[in-house]
Protein backbone atom coordinates (compact mmCIF):
# COMPACT_ATOMS: atom_id res chain seq x y z
CA MET A 1 -177.95 20.84 -46.10
CA GLN A 2 -176.26 23.28 -43.74
CA LEU A 3 -177.83 24.11 -40.39
CA PHE A 4 -175.65 27.07 -39.46
CA ILE A 5 -173.64 29.72 -41.32
CA ALA A 6 -169.94 29.14 -40.76
CA LEU A 7 -167.86 31.81 -39.12
CA ILE A 8 -165.75 29.12 -37.46
CA ALA A 9 -165.34 25.47 -38.35
CA THR A 10 -165.10 23.35 -35.21
CA CYS A 11 -163.54 19.92 -35.53
CA VAL A 12 -163.57 17.16 -32.96
CA SER A 13 -161.27 14.13 -32.79
CA LEU A 14 -160.97 11.33 -30.26
CA VAL A 15 -158.21 11.56 -27.65
CA PHE A 16 -156.56 8.14 -27.33
CA THR A 17 -152.97 8.76 -26.22
CA SER A 18 -153.60 7.53 -22.65
CA ASN A 19 -155.98 5.16 -20.91
CA THR A 20 -155.70 6.99 -17.59
CA PRO A 21 -158.45 9.57 -16.94
CA VAL A 22 -157.17 13.08 -16.21
CA CYS A 23 -158.61 16.50 -15.49
CA THR A 24 -157.84 19.82 -17.14
CA ASP A 25 -157.79 23.45 -15.92
CA GLU A 26 -156.63 22.56 -12.39
CA PHE A 27 -159.67 20.37 -11.73
CA ARG A 28 -159.14 17.35 -9.45
CA LEU A 29 -160.26 13.78 -10.22
CA VAL A 30 -162.65 12.53 -7.52
CA SER A 31 -164.80 9.41 -8.04
CA GLY A 32 -164.59 9.72 -11.82
CA LYS A 33 -165.50 13.41 -11.85
CA CYS A 34 -163.27 16.44 -12.23
CA LEU A 35 -163.99 18.91 -9.43
CA ARG A 36 -162.51 22.29 -8.55
CA LEU A 37 -163.12 24.38 -5.45
CA PHE A 38 -163.39 28.15 -5.83
CA THR A 39 -163.04 29.78 -2.42
CA SER A 40 -164.16 33.29 -3.40
CA GLU A 41 -167.68 34.01 -2.14
CA VAL A 42 -170.11 34.95 -4.92
CA ILE A 43 -173.83 34.85 -5.59
CA HIS A 44 -175.24 31.78 -7.28
CA SER A 45 -175.50 33.21 -10.81
CA VAL A 46 -171.85 34.33 -10.76
CA ALA A 47 -170.81 30.85 -9.61
CA GLU A 48 -172.75 29.31 -12.51
CA ARG A 49 -171.18 31.67 -15.04
CA THR A 50 -167.69 30.94 -13.71
CA CYS A 51 -168.24 27.20 -14.13
CA MET A 52 -169.72 27.71 -17.59
CA ASN A 53 -166.56 29.53 -18.70
CA TYR A 54 -164.76 26.19 -18.26
CA GLY A 55 -167.53 24.24 -19.98
CA ALA A 56 -168.50 23.00 -16.52
CA THR A 57 -171.54 23.05 -14.26
CA LEU A 58 -171.84 23.61 -10.57
CA VAL A 59 -171.24 20.27 -8.89
CA THR A 60 -173.95 17.61 -9.15
CA ILE A 61 -174.33 14.91 -6.51
CA LYS A 62 -176.06 11.71 -7.63
CA ASN A 63 -175.15 9.24 -4.86
CA ALA A 64 -173.53 8.89 -1.44
CA VAL A 65 -170.05 8.50 -2.98
CA ASP A 66 -170.46 11.85 -4.76
CA ASN A 67 -171.68 13.40 -1.53
CA ARG A 68 -168.58 12.27 0.38
CA GLY A 69 -166.38 13.37 -2.51
CA ILE A 70 -167.26 17.01 -1.82
CA GLN A 71 -165.59 16.64 1.57
CA THR A 72 -162.44 15.39 -0.18
CA VAL A 73 -162.28 18.45 -2.44
CA ALA A 74 -163.15 20.87 0.36
CA LYS A 75 -160.89 19.25 2.95
CA ASN A 76 -159.94 21.69 5.73
CA PHE A 77 -162.41 24.16 4.24
CA ASN A 78 -165.05 24.57 6.95
CA ASN A 79 -167.72 26.32 4.92
CA THR A 80 -170.81 25.94 2.73
CA VAL A 81 -170.61 25.73 -1.08
CA TRP A 82 -173.07 26.23 -3.92
CA MET A 83 -174.32 23.12 -5.76
CA GLY A 84 -175.75 22.73 -9.27
CA LEU A 85 -179.29 22.08 -8.08
CA TYR A 86 -182.25 24.45 -8.47
CA CYS A 87 -185.69 23.87 -6.92
CA PHE A 88 -189.01 25.06 -8.31
CA GLY A 89 -191.00 23.54 -5.45
CA ASP A 90 -190.74 22.04 -1.96
CA ASP A 91 -190.23 18.51 -3.24
CA VAL A 92 -187.13 16.68 -4.49
CA THR A 93 -188.92 15.93 -7.77
CA LYS A 94 -189.05 19.71 -8.39
CA CYS A 95 -185.28 20.12 -7.87
CA LEU A 96 -183.40 19.86 -11.18
CA TRP A 97 -179.69 19.27 -11.79
CA ASP A 98 -177.79 21.81 -13.88
CA ASP A 99 -176.41 19.10 -16.18
CA ALA A 100 -179.93 18.32 -17.51
CA SER A 101 -179.87 14.82 -16.02
CA GLY A 102 -183.22 15.18 -14.24
CA ASP A 103 -184.39 15.74 -10.69
CA SER A 104 -182.96 14.77 -7.31
CA SER A 105 -185.54 12.09 -6.48
CA LEU A 106 -183.10 9.17 -6.93
CA TYR A 107 -180.71 10.57 -4.34
CA SER A 108 -180.77 13.59 -2.06
CA SER A 109 -179.25 14.66 1.23
CA PHE A 110 -181.51 17.54 2.16
CA MET A 111 -181.64 18.59 5.78
CA ALA A 112 -185.06 18.06 7.37
CA GLY A 113 -187.42 20.81 6.26
CA ASN A 114 -185.61 21.32 2.97
CA PRO A 115 -186.04 22.07 0.11
CA GLN A 116 -187.94 25.21 1.01
CA VAL A 117 -188.37 27.60 -1.91
CA GLN A 118 -189.69 30.36 0.35
CA THR A 119 -186.17 30.45 1.78
CA GLY A 120 -184.65 30.24 -1.70
CA LYS A 121 -184.60 28.15 -4.87
CA CYS A 122 -180.84 27.54 -4.95
CA VAL A 123 -179.15 24.78 -2.97
CA TYR A 124 -175.90 24.69 -1.02
CA TYR A 125 -173.84 21.91 0.54
CA SER A 126 -172.66 22.11 4.13
CA ASN A 127 -169.03 21.20 4.72
CA VAL A 128 -169.22 22.58 8.24
CA ASN A 129 -167.51 20.00 10.44
CA GLU A 130 -170.44 19.14 12.67
CA SER A 131 -172.03 15.70 12.66
CA SER A 132 -175.57 17.05 12.33
CA THR A 133 -174.89 19.24 9.29
CA LEU A 134 -171.86 17.78 7.46
CA GLY A 135 -172.89 16.66 3.96
CA LYS A 136 -176.41 18.07 4.24
CA TRP A 137 -178.11 20.22 1.59
CA TYR A 138 -180.00 23.42 2.31
CA SER A 139 -182.19 25.86 0.41
CA SER A 140 -180.84 29.38 0.02
CA ASP A 141 -181.60 32.72 -1.57
CA CYS A 142 -179.82 32.80 -4.92
CA GLU A 143 -178.94 36.45 -5.42
CA ASN A 144 -178.59 37.92 -1.93
CA THR A 145 -176.24 35.35 -0.41
CA ALA A 146 -172.60 34.81 -1.42
CA ARG A 147 -170.81 31.47 -1.03
CA PRO A 148 -167.78 29.57 -2.34
CA PHE A 149 -168.60 26.94 -4.96
CA ILE A 150 -167.41 23.75 -6.67
CA CYS A 151 -167.44 23.26 -10.45
CA GLU A 152 -167.67 19.87 -12.18
CA LEU A 153 -166.20 18.66 -15.49
CA PRO A 154 -166.20 15.17 -17.00
CA SER A 155 -162.78 13.50 -17.03
CA THR A 156 -160.77 13.20 -20.24
CA TYR A 157 -157.39 11.74 -21.35
CA GLU A 158 -153.93 13.24 -21.57
CA ASP A 159 -153.32 15.07 -24.83
CA ASP A 160 -151.55 18.22 -26.02
CA CYS A 161 -154.59 19.69 -27.79
CA GLY A 162 -155.75 23.10 -26.65
CA ASN A 163 -159.42 22.24 -26.04
CA ASN A 164 -159.53 18.81 -24.41
CA TYR A 165 -162.99 17.87 -23.09
CA ASN A 166 -164.63 14.54 -22.21
CA GLY A 167 -162.24 12.45 -24.30
CA PHE A 168 -162.29 14.67 -27.39
CA CYS A 169 -160.17 17.48 -28.84
CA TYR A 170 -161.95 20.52 -30.25
CA THR A 171 -160.22 22.91 -32.66
CA HIS A 172 -161.22 26.21 -34.25
CA ASN A 173 -160.55 26.78 -37.93
CA PRO A 174 -161.00 29.75 -40.28
CA ALA A 175 -164.33 30.32 -41.97
CA ALA A 176 -165.00 27.93 -44.85
CA THR A 177 -167.80 26.22 -46.73
CA PHE A 178 -169.38 23.18 -45.11
CA THR A 179 -167.60 20.77 -47.48
CA VAL A 180 -164.18 22.37 -46.97
CA ALA A 181 -164.75 22.48 -43.21
CA GLN A 182 -165.48 18.73 -43.06
CA ALA A 183 -162.47 17.96 -45.28
CA THR A 184 -160.25 20.04 -42.99
CA CYS A 185 -161.48 18.09 -39.97
CA GLU A 186 -160.93 14.74 -41.69
CA ALA A 187 -157.34 15.75 -42.50
CA SER A 188 -156.80 16.00 -38.73
CA CYS A 189 -158.43 12.59 -38.05
CA GLY A 190 -161.63 14.24 -36.91
CA ASN A 191 -165.10 15.36 -37.97
CA LEU A 192 -167.20 18.45 -37.69
CA VAL A 193 -168.46 18.39 -34.13
CA SER A 194 -171.41 16.26 -33.05
CA ILE A 195 -173.18 17.24 -29.83
CA HIS A 196 -174.56 14.57 -27.50
CA SER A 197 -175.40 16.25 -24.20
CA ALA A 198 -176.30 19.51 -22.52
CA ASN A 199 -172.81 19.47 -20.97
CA GLU A 200 -171.11 19.28 -24.37
CA ASN A 201 -173.39 22.02 -25.67
CA ARG A 202 -172.37 24.12 -22.66
CA TYR A 203 -168.70 23.47 -23.41
CA LEU A 204 -169.21 24.73 -26.96
CA ASN A 205 -170.75 27.86 -25.45
CA SER A 206 -167.49 28.41 -23.59
CA LEU A 207 -165.67 28.15 -26.94
CA PHE A 208 -168.01 30.80 -28.33
CA LEU A 209 -166.67 33.17 -25.69
CA GLN A 210 -163.05 32.29 -26.46
CA SER A 211 -163.45 32.73 -30.20
CA GLY A 212 -165.49 35.90 -30.07
CA SER A 213 -168.12 34.34 -32.33
CA GLY A 214 -171.39 32.59 -31.62
CA ILE A 215 -171.96 30.89 -34.98
CA PHE A 216 -170.14 27.90 -36.47
CA TYR A 217 -170.76 24.74 -38.39
CA ILE A 218 -171.61 21.50 -36.63
CA GLY A 219 -171.46 18.08 -38.29
CA ALA A 220 -175.19 17.60 -38.79
CA ILE A 221 -177.33 17.27 -41.89
CA ARG A 222 -181.05 17.09 -42.42
CA THR A 223 -181.88 13.74 -44.02
CA SER A 224 -185.64 14.31 -44.27
CA ARG A 225 -188.22 16.85 -43.14
CA ASN A 226 -188.03 15.82 -39.48
CA SER A 227 -184.88 13.71 -39.38
CA TYR A 228 -181.23 14.60 -38.85
CA SER A 229 -177.97 12.69 -38.62
CA TRP A 230 -174.38 13.28 -37.54
CA PHE A 231 -171.53 13.08 -40.06
CA ASP A 232 -169.51 10.84 -37.72
CA GLY A 233 -172.25 8.19 -37.65
CA SER A 234 -173.01 8.60 -33.93
CA LEU A 235 -176.53 8.31 -32.53
CA TRP A 236 -178.76 11.39 -32.74
CA SER A 237 -179.44 11.45 -29.00
CA TYR A 238 -179.57 15.17 -28.24
CA ASN A 239 -180.64 18.37 -29.95
CA ASN A 240 -181.03 22.00 -28.96
CA PHE A 241 -182.94 23.39 -31.93
CA ASP A 242 -184.84 26.60 -31.56
CA VAL A 243 -188.52 25.77 -31.83
CA THR A 244 -189.17 28.38 -34.53
CA ALA A 245 -189.68 27.18 -38.10
CA LEU A 246 -186.76 26.39 -40.42
CA ARG A 247 -186.82 27.15 -44.13
CA PRO A 248 -184.43 25.17 -46.36
CA ALA A 249 -181.58 27.36 -47.61
CA GLY A 250 -181.59 28.12 -51.34
CA VAL A 251 -185.35 27.61 -51.69
CA GLN A 252 -187.40 30.59 -52.84
CA CYS A 253 -191.02 31.00 -51.84
CA PRO A 254 -193.27 31.04 -54.94
CA ALA A 255 -195.28 34.16 -55.72
CA ASN A 256 -198.50 32.24 -55.02
CA PRO A 257 -197.65 29.58 -52.44
CA PRO A 258 -200.05 26.64 -52.17
CA PRO A 259 -202.47 26.64 -49.23
CA VAL A 260 -201.09 25.15 -46.05
CA ILE A 261 -202.92 22.22 -44.50
CA VAL A 262 -203.24 23.14 -40.83
CA THR A 263 -202.82 20.27 -38.39
CA PRO A 264 -205.53 20.31 -35.70
CA VAL A 265 -204.22 21.67 -32.40
CA PRO A 266 -205.12 20.56 -28.87
CA SER A 267 -208.16 22.16 -27.26
CA ASN A 268 -205.99 24.44 -25.11
CA PRO A 269 -202.66 25.00 -26.88
CA SER A 270 -201.99 28.49 -25.52
CA TYR A 271 -200.92 27.47 -21.97
CA CYS A 272 -202.73 30.48 -20.52
CA ASN A 273 -202.83 29.99 -16.73
CA SER A 274 -201.19 26.56 -16.94
CA ALA A 275 -198.64 25.06 -14.56
CA LEU A 276 -194.90 25.78 -14.73
CA LEU A 277 -193.53 25.47 -18.29
CA MET A 278 -189.97 24.24 -18.75
CA ALA A 279 -187.93 25.35 -21.76
CA PRO A 280 -188.10 24.74 -24.65
CA GLY A 281 -191.68 25.35 -25.65
CA THR A 282 -194.23 27.74 -27.12
CA ILE A 283 -196.99 29.93 -25.73
CA THR A 284 -199.78 31.82 -27.48
CA SER A 285 -202.71 34.02 -26.67
CA PRO A 286 -205.91 31.96 -26.38
CA ASN A 287 -207.47 31.11 -29.77
CA PHE A 288 -204.32 32.26 -31.57
CA LEU A 289 -204.82 32.71 -35.33
CA ASN A 290 -208.34 33.60 -34.33
CA ASN A 291 -209.12 36.59 -32.14
CA TYR A 292 -208.60 36.29 -28.39
CA ASP A 293 -211.47 37.02 -25.98
CA ASN A 294 -212.34 40.10 -23.96
CA TYR A 295 -211.54 40.31 -20.24
CA LEU A 296 -208.65 37.85 -20.33
CA ASN A 297 -206.24 37.59 -17.42
CA CYS A 298 -203.53 35.11 -18.52
CA THR A 299 -200.24 34.25 -16.86
CA TYR A 300 -197.42 32.12 -18.29
CA GLN A 301 -194.75 30.89 -15.86
CA LEU A 302 -191.56 29.91 -17.73
CA ALA A 303 -188.42 28.27 -16.36
CA THR A 304 -185.19 26.63 -17.44
CA LEU A 305 -182.29 24.89 -15.70
CA GLY A 306 -180.46 26.94 -13.11
CA SER A 307 -177.40 27.54 -15.29
CA TYR A 308 -179.33 29.13 -18.16
CA ASN A 309 -181.41 32.19 -18.96
CA ILE A 310 -184.64 32.25 -20.98
CA LEU A 311 -184.82 33.58 -24.53
CA LEU A 312 -188.42 34.53 -25.32
CA LYS A 313 -188.97 35.10 -29.06
CA PHE A 314 -192.28 36.59 -30.16
CA THR A 315 -192.81 35.41 -33.74
CA SER A 316 -196.14 37.22 -34.20
CA PHE A 317 -197.73 39.99 -32.15
CA TYR A 318 -200.94 42.00 -32.76
CA THR A 319 -203.10 43.27 -29.89
CA GLU A 320 -205.25 46.35 -29.27
CA GLY A 321 -202.67 49.08 -28.76
CA CYS A 322 -204.33 50.95 -25.95
CA CYS A 323 -205.70 48.27 -23.75
CA ASP A 324 -204.67 44.64 -24.41
CA ILE A 325 -201.27 44.44 -22.75
CA VAL A 326 -198.50 41.84 -22.50
CA ARG A 327 -195.99 42.32 -19.67
CA VAL A 328 -192.79 40.32 -19.26
CA TYR A 329 -191.20 40.07 -15.79
CA ASP A 330 -187.63 39.05 -15.00
CA ASP A 331 -188.51 36.33 -12.46
CA ASP A 332 -191.51 34.36 -11.31
CA ASN A 333 -193.86 37.05 -9.95
CA VAL A 334 -195.32 40.47 -10.79
CA ASN A 335 -193.15 42.16 -8.17
CA SER A 336 -190.06 41.25 -10.20
CA PRO A 337 -188.29 43.75 -12.48
CA LEU A 338 -190.30 44.51 -15.61
CA LEU A 339 -188.46 43.57 -18.82
CA GLY A 340 -191.06 45.14 -21.08
CA THR A 341 -194.67 46.16 -21.70
CA TYR A 342 -195.99 45.39 -25.19
CA SER A 343 -199.15 46.06 -27.22
CA GLY A 344 -200.17 46.95 -30.75
CA SER A 345 -198.72 45.58 -33.99
CA LEU A 346 -195.10 44.62 -33.23
CA GLY A 347 -194.24 41.67 -35.45
CA SER A 348 -191.19 39.71 -34.26
CA PHE A 349 -188.94 40.60 -31.31
CA SER A 350 -187.07 38.93 -28.44
CA VAL A 351 -186.70 39.34 -24.67
CA VAL A 352 -184.01 37.69 -22.51
CA SER A 353 -184.20 37.07 -18.77
CA THR A 354 -181.26 37.63 -16.43
CA GLY A 355 -182.11 34.50 -14.44
CA ASN A 356 -183.81 31.18 -15.11
CA SER A 357 -187.41 32.24 -14.51
CA MET A 358 -189.77 34.52 -16.42
CA LEU A 359 -193.41 35.52 -15.93
CA ILE A 360 -195.61 36.78 -18.77
CA THR A 361 -199.05 38.31 -18.21
CA PHE A 362 -201.68 39.12 -20.83
CA LYS A 363 -204.69 41.24 -19.87
CA THR A 364 -207.46 42.45 -22.19
CA ASP A 365 -210.33 44.89 -21.80
CA GLY A 366 -213.94 44.60 -22.99
CA SER A 367 -213.69 46.10 -26.46
CA ILE A 368 -211.65 45.38 -29.62
CA THR A 369 -209.72 42.12 -30.04
CA PHE A 370 -207.11 40.88 -32.54
CA TYR A 371 -205.34 37.58 -33.21
CA GLY A 372 -202.86 38.08 -30.38
CA PHE A 373 -199.36 36.61 -30.14
CA SER A 374 -197.24 33.50 -30.51
CA ALA A 375 -193.84 33.07 -28.85
CA SER A 376 -191.20 30.40 -28.42
CA PHE A 377 -188.99 30.14 -25.35
CA SER A 378 -185.68 28.32 -24.99
CA SER A 379 -182.60 28.01 -22.80
CA TYR A 380 -180.02 30.68 -23.47
CA VAL A 381 -176.56 31.70 -22.33
CA PHE A 382 -176.69 35.41 -21.52
CA HIS A 383 -173.24 36.82 -22.36
CA THR A 384 -172.57 39.78 -20.09
């Protein structure tokens, strides 16, 4: 069963012509990683987008060897550089790496007093040649400070293929059926692509930009209602499904569908006024599918990794048009730019943040109530 409509068939085959790790796109091999210094000074989001165009992230630093490696790449460059670390709180456990590998609690080199999100949620590395600051990490404002930056790619092996990433070659092919697409890949000693990490998913996003299309087949099939497998037999260790419902292709809904057995939900499934919510997930108005209450004052704080935006998809929306209002803000507080104000009967629609944080508020008055809203939120690459 197909998961995506094919505009492009993407094949992947193993690169095996050399046993010596190499880097592509002018990146430099340092301690098993491919790093590249960009000396132009830009804000953090521009640095992230530049790295993403190579299928890379801003540099991640997981140990002391990695930390010293930055000095190798930035030799004779007496400056500070952006890192791929974003902090949601003043604790290393709240600082998350852009490559989706977790937080910085296992290793960090923060200067005393950092991280400090009041100063800024982004993090930079000091290559300033002073013993007290060299190799230290500092909090910084993300959008009002410009710095050079270092991008990171995994190493690969020498090959003449056009899209060589992490030991595999990726090729675009003309639109075809799923069966023909897989046969085309097999004729080139490959398979339709399997995706095993956030980094590989990011690399495919960079291919979207190159091809001018955002939809293509991947080598996955649904084997049962909640089970999937890769055509190449590799372990199903990563997925990036939207959390909205999937309907099997080619299946028509009957005129009188059977009643749905509703699975009991937790006592507070809406996440109204809960702690920070990391993508992906869902939020609803309180009591959703039943009417919400009067005099509500709900907030929903959403976040994703620093290198992504948030796609908020309302799948159902029905509130009192005059007075029960949902507002979506383009950051983490009500002083942020307003992305939209919504009320009434709106059905399905989407909102995309320009950064990696979003705040939703829902306020009701003391009169009429309806069933409210349900929305999913997920990580998203905002193509500008």
